Amino acid sequence: MKSVAIALFSLGVLCMGGIAQADDNAKWVAQCQKDNADAKVSPDVVTKYCTCMNNKMSDNETRSITEWEKANPESRKACEKEAGWL
C-alpha cells in the first residue's frame, strides 16, 4: 500500500512539472508574438516561428525568444524557413 501511495505521489509531481513547463512555454511564445506584432507576415507564420524558436531553446533558458534569437542566428534562419517567413 505504501508503494502505491509513493508511486501515485511521484506521478502527480511529474505531471505538475509538465503543466508548469507548458505554461512557461506558452508565456515565452506569447511574448515573442507581441514582439513580432508589426511583422509583415501573417500571425500564423509568427506563431510557427515563435514555437520553433522556443523548441530550440533550453528549458533552463532565461532570455526571451527575441533576446535568444539575436545570439543564435542559425536557429533564427532555420525557424524562419520552417515557418514560411519570407
PDB file of N, CA and C in Angstrom:
ATOM      1  N   MET A   1       0.825  -1.195   0.000  1.00  0.00           N
ATOM      2  CA  MET A   1       0.000   0.000   0.000  1.00  0.00           C
ATOM      3  C   MET A   1       0.866   1.255   0.000  1.00  0.00           C
ATOM      4  N   LYS A   2       1.948   1.229   0.776  1.00  0.00           N
ATOM      5  CA  LYS A   2       2.836   2.383   0.841  1.00  0.00           C
ATOM      6  C   LYS A   2       3.465   2.669  -0.517  1.00  0.00           C
ATOM      7  N   SER A   3       3.853   1.602  -1.231  1.00  0.00           N
ATOM      8  CA  SER A   3       4.498   1.793  -2.528  1.00  0.00           C
ATOM      9  C   SER A   3       3.523   2.370  -3.554  1.00  0.00           C
ATOM     10  N   VAL A   4       2.254   2.003  -3.455  1.00  0.00           N
ATOM     11  CA  VAL A   4       1.242   2.563  -4.359  1.00  0.00           C
ATOM     12  C   VAL A   4       1.079   4.051  -4.095  1.00  0.00           C
ATOM     13  N   ALA A   5       1.041   4.446  -2.842  1.00  0.00           N
ATOM     14  CA  ALA A   5       0.900   5.853  -2.488  1.00  0.00           C
ATOM     15  C   ALA A   5       2.106   6.652  -2.970  1.00  0.00           C
ATOM     16  N   ILE A   6       3.288   6.091  -2.809  1.00  0.00           N
ATOM     17  CA  ILE A   6       4.516   6.774  -3.267  1.00  0.00           C
ATOM     18  C   ILE A   6       4.507   6.905  -4.778  1.00  0.00           C
ATOM     19  N   ALA A   7       4.093   5.855  -5.466  1.00  0.00           N
ATOM     20  CA  ALA A   7       4.041   5.887  -6.929  1.00  0.00           C
ATOM     21  C   ALA A   7       3.050   6.942  -7.422  1.00  0.00           C
ATOM     22  N   LEU A   8       1.884   7.000  -6.794  1.00  0.00           N
ATOM     23  CA  LEU A   8       0.887   7.999  -7.191  1.00  0.00           C
ATOM     24  C   LEU A   8       1.361   9.414  -6.905  1.00  0.00           C
ATOM     25  N   PHE A   9       2.009   9.606  -5.777  1.00  0.00           N
ATOM     26  CA  PHE A   9       2.555  10.919  -5.434  1.00  0.00           C
ATOM     27  C   PHE A   9       3.608  11.331  -6.469  1.00  0.00           C
ATOM     28  N   SER A  10       4.498  10.407  -6.818  1.00  0.00           N
ATOM     29  CA  SER A  10       5.547  10.693  -7.798  1.00  0.00           C
ATOM     30  C   SER A  10       4.952  11.043  -9.149  1.00  0.00           C
ATOM     31  N   LEU A  11       3.940  10.316  -9.552  1.00  0.00           N
ATOM     32  CA  LEU A  11       3.278  10.595 -10.821  1.00  0.00           C
ATOM     33  C   LEU A  11       2.650  11.987 -10.810  1.00  0.00           C
ATOM     34  N   GLY A  12       2.024  12.344  -9.701  1.00  0.00           N
ATOM     35  CA  GLY A  12       1.424  13.669  -9.572  1.00  0.00           C
ATOM     36  C   GLY A  12       2.453  14.777  -9.678  1.00  0.00           C
ATOM     37  N   VAL A  13       3.597  14.595  -9.047  1.00  0.00           N
ATOM     38  CA  VAL A  13       4.663  15.598  -9.107  1.00  0.00           C
ATOM     39  C   VAL A  13       5.175  15.745 -10.534  1.00  0.00           C
ATOM     40  N   LEU A  14       5.356  14.635 -11.224  1.00  0.00           N
ATOM     41  CA  LEU A  14       5.834  14.691 -12.605  1.00  0.00           C
ATOM     42  C   LEU A  14       4.828  15.391 -13.513  1.00  0.00           C
ATOM     43  N   CYS A  15       3.561  15.109 -13.341  1.00  0.00           N
ATOM     44  CA  CYS A  15       2.526  15.750 -14.167  1.00  0.00           C
ATOM     45  C   CYS A  15       2.475  17.252 -13.919  1.00  0.00           C
ATOM     46  N   MET A  16       2.599  17.664 -12.682  1.00  0.00           N
ATOM     47  CA  MET A  16       2.565  19.091 -12.367  1.00  0.00           C
ATOM     48  C   MET A  16       3.750  19.808 -13.002  1.00  0.00           C
ATOM     49  N   GLY A  17       4.910  19.160 -13.036  1.00  0.00           N
ATOM     50  CA  GLY A  17       6.084  19.760 -13.673  1.00  0.00           C
ATOM     51  C   GLY A  17       5.852  19.977 -15.157  1.00  0.00           C
ATOM     52  N   GLY A  18       5.197  19.014 -15.804  1.00  0.00           N
ATOM     53  CA  GLY A  18       4.895  19.144 -17.223  1.00  0.00           C
ATOM     54  C   GLY A  18       3.928  20.274 -17.495  1.00  0.00           C
ATOM     55  N   ILE A  19       2.955  20.445 -16.637  1.00  0.00           N
ATOM     56  CA  ILE A  19       1.986  21.535 -16.788  1.00  0.00           C
ATOM     57  C   ILE A  19       2.680  22.880 -16.616  1.00  0.00           C
ATOM     58  N   ALA A  20       3.548  22.973 -15.615  1.00  0.00           N
ATOM     59  CA  ALA A  20       4.273  24.225 -15.382  1.00  0.00           C
ATOM     60  C   ALA A  20       5.149  24.564 -16.579  1.00  0.00           C
ATOM     61  N   GLN A  21       5.793  23.555 -17.168  1.00  0.00           N
ATOM     62  CA  GLN A  21       6.647  23.782 -18.332  1.00  0.00           C
ATOM     63  C   GLN A  21       5.817  24.262 -19.516  1.00  0.00           C
ATOM     64  N   ALA A  22       4.648  23.662 -19.719  1.00  0.00           N
ATOM     65  CA  ALA A  22       3.779  24.073 -20.828  1.00  0.00           C
ATOM     66  C   ALA A  22       3.328  25.517 -20.649  1.00  0.00           C
ATOM     67  N   ASP A  23       2.994  25.901 -19.433  1.00  0.00           N
ATOM     68  CA  ASP A  23       2.587  27.284 -19.161  1.00  0.00           C
ATOM     69  C   ASP A  23       3.735  28.248 -19.442  1.00  0.00           C
ATOM     70  N   ASP A  24       4.945  27.862 -19.062  1.00  0.00           N
ATOM     71  CA  ASP A  24       6.116  28.696 -19.282  1.00  0.00           C
ATOM     72  C   ASP A  24       6.379  28.856 -20.778  1.00  0.00           C
ATOM     73  N   ASN A  25       6.275  27.757 -21.526  1.00  0.00           N
ATOM     74  CA  ASN A  25       6.468  27.825 -22.974  1.00  0.00           C
ATOM     75  C   ASN A  25       5.437  28.737 -23.620  1.00  0.00           C
ATOM     76  N   ALA A  26       4.197  28.629 -23.188  1.00  0.00           N
ATOM     77  CA  ALA A  26       3.138  29.471 -23.741  1.00  0.00           C
ATOM     78  C   ALA A  26       3.423  30.948 -23.463  1.00  0.00           C
ATOM     79  N   LYS A  27       3.966  31.232 -22.299  1.00  0.00           N
ATOM     80  CA  LYS A  27       4.295  32.621 -21.933  1.00  0.00           C
ATOM     81  C   LYS A  27       5.380  33.165 -22.866  1.00  0.00           C
ATOM     82  N   TRP A  28       6.422  32.363 -23.116  1.00  0.00           N
ATOM     83  CA  TRP A  28       7.516  32.809 -23.996  1.00  0.00           C
ATOM     84  C   TRP A  28       7.019  33.012 -25.427  1.00  0.00           C
ATOM     85  N   VAL A  29       6.195  32.092 -25.914  1.00  0.00           N
ATOM     86  CA  VAL A  29       5.671  32.212 -27.283  1.00  0.00           C
ATOM     87  C   VAL A  29       4.774  33.444 -27.396  1.00  0.00           C
ATOM     88  N   ALA A  30       3.941  33.692 -26.396  1.00  0.00           N
ATOM     89  CA  ALA A  30       3.064  34.867 -26.409  1.00  0.00           C
ATOM     90  C   ALA A  30       3.878  36.160 -26.437  1.00  0.00           C
ATOM     91  N   GLN A  31       4.963  36.207 -25.680  1.00  0.00           N
ATOM     92  CA  GLN A  31       5.821  37.398 -25.682  1.00  0.00           C
ATOM     93  C   GLN A  31       6.479  37.577 -27.047  1.00  0.00           C
ATOM     94  N   CYS A  32       6.922  36.485 -27.643  1.00  0.00           N
ATOM     95  CA  CYS A  32       7.527  36.538 -28.980  1.00  0.00           C
ATOM     96  C   CYS A  32       6.510  37.058 -29.999  1.00  0.00           C
ATOM     97  N   GLN A  33       5.265  36.609 -29.886  1.00  0.00           N
ATOM     98  CA  GLN A  33       4.224  37.085 -30.799  1.00  0.00           C
ATOM     99  C   GLN A  33       4.024  38.590 -30.651  1.00  0.00           C
ATOM    100  N   LYS A  34       4.021  39.079 -29.419  1.00  0.00           N
ATOM    101  CA  LYS A  34       3.890  40.518 -29.185  1.00  0.00           C
ATOM    102  C   LYS A  34       5.082  41.271 -29.763  1.00  0.00           C
ATOM    103  N   ASP A  35       6.282  40.717 -29.558  1.00  0.00           N
ATOM    104  CA  ASP A  35       7.495  41.365 -30.063  1.00  0.00           C
ATOM    105  C   ASP A  35       7.503  41.456 -31.588  1.00  0.00           C
ATOM    106  N   ASN A  36       6.789  40.538 -32.246  1.00  0.00           N
ATOM    107  CA  ASN A  36       6.764  40.500 -33.706  1.00  0.00           C
ATOM    108  C   ASN A  36       5.415  40.930 -34.283  1.00  0.00           C
ATOM    109  N   ALA A  37       4.641  41.674 -33.510  1.00  0.00           N
ATOM    110  CA  ALA A  37       3.300  42.081 -33.934  1.00  0.00           C
ATOM    111  C   ALA A  37       3.315  42.932 -35.204  1.00  0.00           C
ATOM    112  N   ASP A  38       4.397  43.656 -35.438  1.00  0.00           N
ATOM    113  CA  ASP A  38       4.465  44.517 -36.622  1.00  0.00           C
ATOM    114  C   ASP A  38       5.122  43.828 -37.820  1.00  0.00           C
ATOM    115  N   ALA A  39       5.332  42.533 -37.730  1.00  0.00           N
ATOM    116  CA  ALA A  39       5.963  41.784 -38.823  1.00  0.00           C
ATOM    117  C   ALA A  39       5.072  41.811 -40.057  1.00  0.00           C
ATOM    118  N   LYS A  40       5.674  41.738 -41.200  1.00  0.00           N
ATOM    119  CA  LYS A  40       4.940  41.788 -42.470  1.00  0.00           C
ATOM    120  C   LYS A  40       4.547  40.383 -42.934  1.00  0.00           C
ATOM    121  N   VAL A  41       4.242  39.519 -41.978  1.00  0.00           N
ATOM    122  CA  VAL A  41       3.779  38.165 -42.278  1.00  0.00           C
ATOM    123  C   VAL A  41       2.522  37.900 -41.443  1.00  0.00           C
ATOM    124  N   SER A  42       1.829  36.813 -41.759  1.00  0.00           N
ATOM    125  CA  SER A  42       0.585  36.508 -41.047  1.00  0.00           C
ATOM    126  C   SER A  42       0.866  36.108 -39.594  1.00  0.00           C
ATOM    127  N   PRO A  43      -0.110  36.289 -38.728  1.00  0.00           N
ATOM    128  CA  PRO A  43       0.045  35.860 -37.333  1.00  0.00           C
ATOM    129  C   PRO A  43       0.355  34.363 -37.211  1.00  0.00           C
ATOM    130  N   ASP A  44      -0.164  33.559 -38.138  1.00  0.00           N
ATOM    131  CA  ASP A  44       0.103  32.121 -38.125  1.00  0.00           C
ATOM    132  C   ASP A  44       1.593  31.839 -38.339  1.00  0.00           C
ATOM    133  N   VAL A  45       2.204  32.576 -39.259  1.00  0.00           N
ATOM    134  CA  VAL A  45       3.644  32.418 -39.517  1.00  0.00           C
ATOM    135  C   VAL A  45       4.438  32.835 -38.283  1.00  0.00           C
ATOM    136  N   VAL A  46       4.043  33.917 -37.654  1.00  0.00           N
ATOM    137  CA  VAL A  46       4.730  34.382 -36.444  1.00  0.00           C
ATOM    138  C   VAL A  46       4.622  33.320 -35.352  1.00  0.00           C
ATOM    139  N   THR A  47       3.439  32.734 -35.185  1.00  0.00           N
ATOM    140  CA  THR A  47       3.247  31.701 -34.173  1.00  0.00           C
ATOM    141  C   THR A  47       4.126  30.492 -34.451  1.00  0.00           C
ATOM    142  N   LYS A  48       4.180  30.066 -35.713  1.00  0.00           N
ATOM    143  CA  LYS A  48       5.037  28.924 -36.071  1.00  0.00           C
ATOM    144  C   LYS A  48       6.503  29.244 -35.809  1.00  0.00           C
ATOM    145  N   TYR A  49       6.917  30.444 -36.144  1.00  0.00           N
ATOM    146  CA  TYR A  49       8.302  30.867 -35.914  1.00  0.00           C
ATOM    147  C   TYR A  49       8.625  30.873 -34.417  1.00  0.00           C
ATOM    148  N   CYS A  50       7.756  31.494 -33.627  1.00  0.00           N
ATOM    149  CA  CYS A  50       7.991  31.598 -32.184  1.00  0.00           C
ATOM    150  C   CYS A  50       8.017  30.226 -31.525  1.00  0.00           C
ATOM    151  N   THR A  51       7.135  29.343 -31.960  1.00  0.00           N
ATOM    152  CA  THR A  51       7.102  27.988 -31.411  1.00  0.00           C
ATOM    153  C   THR A  51       8.373  27.234 -31.773  1.00  0.00           C
ATOM    154  N   CYS A  52       8.815  27.368 -33.006  1.00  0.00           N
ATOM    155  CA  CYS A  52      10.057  26.740 -33.441  1.00  0.00           C
ATOM    156  C   CYS A  52      11.236  27.232 -32.609  1.00  0.00           C
ATOM    157  N   MET A  53      11.335  28.537 -32.440  1.00  0.00           N
ATOM    158  CA  MET A  53      12.439  29.101 -31.657  1.00  0.00           C
ATOM    159  C   MET A  53      12.373  28.621 -30.213  1.00  0.00           C
ATOM    160  N   ASN A  54      11.191  28.600 -29.646  1.00  0.00           N
ATOM    161  CA  ASN A  54      11.025  28.142 -28.267  1.00  0.00           C
ATOM    162  C   ASN A  54      11.481  26.689 -28.127  1.00  0.00           C
ATOM    163  N   ASN A  55      11.162  25.869 -29.122  1.00  0.00           N
ATOM    164  CA  ASN A  55      11.546  24.462 -29.077  1.00  0.00           C
ATOM    165  C   ASN A  55      13.054  24.264 -29.187  1.00  0.00           C
ATOM    166  N   LYS A  56      13.740  25.190 -29.817  1.00  0.00           N
ATOM    167  CA  LYS A  56      15.198  25.091 -29.948  1.00  0.00           C
ATOM    168  C   LYS A  56      15.927  25.540 -28.684  1.00  0.00           C
ATOM    169  N   MET A  57      15.247  26.297 -27.854  1.00  0.00           N
ATOM    170  CA  MET A  57      15.869  26.828 -26.634  1.00  0.00           C
ATOM    171  C   MET A  57      15.883  25.781 -25.527  1.00  0.00           C
ATOM    172  N   SER A  58      16.860  25.891 -24.656  1.00  0.00           N
ATOM    173  CA  SER A  58      16.950  25.031 -23.481  1.00  0.00           C
ATOM    174  C   SER A  58      15.798  25.338 -22.526  1.00  0.00           C
ATOM    175  N   ASP A  59      15.356  24.326 -21.794  1.00  0.00           N
ATOM    176  CA  ASP A  59      14.305  24.541 -20.792  1.00  0.00           C
ATOM    177  C   ASP A  59      14.784  25.451 -19.668  1.00  0.00           C
ATOM    178  N   ASN A  60      16.092  25.594 -19.537  1.00  0.00           N
ATOM    179  CA  ASN A  60      16.660  26.431 -18.471  1.00  0.00           C
ATOM    180  C   ASN A  60      16.988  27.848 -18.941  1.00  0.00           C
ATOM    181  N   GLU A  61      16.656  28.163 -20.175  1.00  0.00           N
ATOM    182  CA  GLU A  61      16.974  29.479 -20.737  1.00  0.00           C
ATOM    183  C   GLU A  61      16.204  30.566 -19.992  1.00  0.00           C
ATOM    184  N   THR A  62      16.893  31.661 -19.719  1.00  0.00           N
ATOM    185  CA  THR A  62      16.259  32.772 -19.004  1.00  0.00           C
ATOM    186  C   THR A  62      15.976  33.971 -19.915  1.00  0.00           C
ATOM    187  N   ARG A  63      16.598  33.987 -21.091  1.00  0.00           N
ATOM    188  CA  ARG A  63      16.349  35.091 -22.026  1.00  0.00           C
ATOM    189  C   ARG A  63      15.054  34.854 -22.786  1.00  0.00           C
ATOM    190  N   SER A  64      14.447  35.926 -23.251  1.00  0.00           N
ATOM    191  CA  SER A  64      13.256  35.801 -24.083  1.00  0.00           C
ATOM    192  C   SER A  64      13.662  35.250 -25.443  1.00  0.00           C
ATOM    193  N   ILE A  65      12.680  34.813 -26.206  1.00  0.00           N
ATOM    194  CA  ILE A  65      12.960  34.315 -27.554  1.00  0.00           C
ATOM    195  C   ILE A  65      13.607  35.424 -28.379  1.00  0.00           C
ATOM    196  N   THR A  66      13.107  36.631 -28.253  1.00  0.00           N
ATOM    197  CA  THR A  66      13.642  37.767 -29.006  1.00  0.00           C
ATOM    198  C   THR A  66      15.103  38.019 -28.653  1.00  0.00           C
ATOM    199  N   GLU A  67      15.449  37.913 -27.394  1.00  0.00           N
ATOM    200  CA  GLU A  67      16.850  38.080 -26.978  1.00  0.00           C
ATOM    201  C   GLU A  67      17.697  36.906 -27.461  1.00  0.00           C
ATOM    202  N   TRP A  68      17.160  35.700 -27.339  1.00  0.00           N
ATOM    203  CA  TRP A  68      17.909  34.488 -27.689  1.00  0.00           C
ATOM    204  C   TRP A  68      18.180  34.413 -29.184  1.00  0.00           C
ATOM    205  N   GLU A  69      17.224  34.853 -29.998  1.00  0.00           N
ATOM    206  CA  GLU A  69      17.392  34.742 -31.455  1.00  0.00           C
ATOM    207  C   GLU A  69      18.560  35.591 -31.956  1.00  0.00           C
ATOM    208  N   LYS A  70      18.840  36.703 -31.274  1.00  0.00           N
ATOM    209  CA  LYS A  70      19.952  37.568 -31.677  1.00  0.00           C
ATOM    210  C   LYS A  70      21.297  36.877 -31.493  1.00  0.00           C
ATOM    211  N   ALA A  71      21.389  36.008 -30.506  1.00  0.00           N
ATOM    212  CA  ALA A  71      22.631  35.289 -30.227  1.00  0.00           C
ATOM    213  C   ALA A  71      22.715  33.961 -30.984  1.00  0.00           C
ATOM    214  N   ASN A  72      21.645  33.570 -31.662  1.00  0.00           N
ATOM    215  CA  ASN A  72      21.584  32.278 -32.352  1.00  0.00           C
ATOM    216  C   ASN A  72      21.018  32.442 -33.756  1.00  0.00           C
ATOM    217  N   PRO A  73      21.778  33.110 -34.635  1.00  0.00           N
ATOM    218  CA  PRO A  73      21.249  33.405 -35.966  1.00  0.00           C
ATOM    219  C   PRO A  73      20.949  32.168 -36.817  1.00  0.00           C
ATOM    220  N   GLU A  74      21.680  31.093 -36.617  1.00  0.00           N
ATOM    221  CA  GLU A  74      21.404  29.883 -37.410  1.00  0.00           C
ATOM    222  C   GLU A  74      20.048  29.290 -37.039  1.00  0.00           C
ATOM    223  N   SER A  75      19.725  29.289 -35.764  1.00  0.00           N
ATOM    224  CA  SER A  75      18.405  28.810 -35.331  1.00  0.00           C
ATOM    225  C   SER A  75      17.317  29.729 -35.860  1.00  0.00           C
ATOM    226  N   ARG A  76      17.586  31.032 -35.832  1.00  0.00           N
ATOM    227  CA  ARG A  76      16.615  32.002 -36.344  1.00  0.00           C
ATOM    228  C   ARG A  76      16.331  31.730 -37.824  1.00  0.00           C
ATOM    229  N   LYS A  77      17.381  31.536 -38.608  1.00  0.00           N
ATOM    230  CA  LYS A  77      17.211  31.277 -40.043  1.00  0.00           C
ATOM    231  C   LYS A  77      16.443  29.986 -40.290  1.00  0.00           C
ATOM    232  N   ALA A  78      16.765  28.938 -39.507  1.00  0.00           N
ATOM    233  CA  ALA A  78      16.076  27.655 -39.664  1.00  0.00           C
ATOM    234  C   ALA A  78      14.595  27.791 -39.336  1.00  0.00           C
ATOM    235  N   CYS A  79      14.274  28.529 -38.294  1.00  0.00           N
ATOM    236  CA  CYS A  79      12.873  28.698 -37.904  1.00  0.00           C
ATOM    237  C   CYS A  79      12.123  29.607 -38.877  1.00  0.00           C
ATOM    238  N   GLU A  80      12.804  30.614 -39.414  1.00  0.00           N
ATOM    239  CA  GLU A  80      12.170  31.451 -40.430  1.00  0.00           C
ATOM    240  C   GLU A  80      11.771  30.596 -41.621  1.00  0.00           C
ATOM    241  N   LYS A  81      12.671  29.718 -42.032  1.00  0.00           N
ATOM    242  CA  LYS A  81      12.399  28.838 -43.171  1.00  0.00           C
ATOM    243  C   LYS A  81      11.261  27.871 -42.849  1.00  0.00           C
ATOM    244  N   GLU A  82      11.314  27.259 -41.664  1.00  0.00           N
ATOM    245  CA  GLU A  82      10.288  26.294 -41.256  1.00  0.00           C
ATOM    246  C   GLU A  82       8.909  26.945 -41.169  1.00  0.00           C
ATOM    247  N   ALA A  83       8.865  28.181 -40.705  1.00  0.00           N
ATOM    248  CA  ALA A  83       7.589  28.880 -40.518  1.00  0.00           C
ATOM    249  C   ALA A  83       7.057  29.490 -41.812  1.00  0.00           C
ATOM    250  N   GLY A  84       7.899  29.596 -42.827  1.00  0.00           N
ATOM    251  CA  GLY A  84       7.477  30.223 -44.075  1.00  0.00           C
ATOM    252  C   GLY A  84       7.603  31.734 -44.053  1.00  0.00           C
ATOM    253  N   TRP A  85       8.508  32.233 -43.237  1.00  0.00           N
ATOM    254  CA  TRP A  85       8.750  33.669 -43.087  1.00  0.00           C
ATOM    255  C   TRP A  85       9.695  34.092 -44.207  1.00  0.00           C
ATOM    256  N   LEU A  86       9.154  34.692 -45.236  1.00  0.00           N
ATOM    257  CA  LEU A  86       9.981  35.059 -46.395  1.00  0.00           C
ATOM    258  C   LEU A  86      10.183  36.528 -46.511  1.00  0.00           C
TER     259      LEU A  86
END
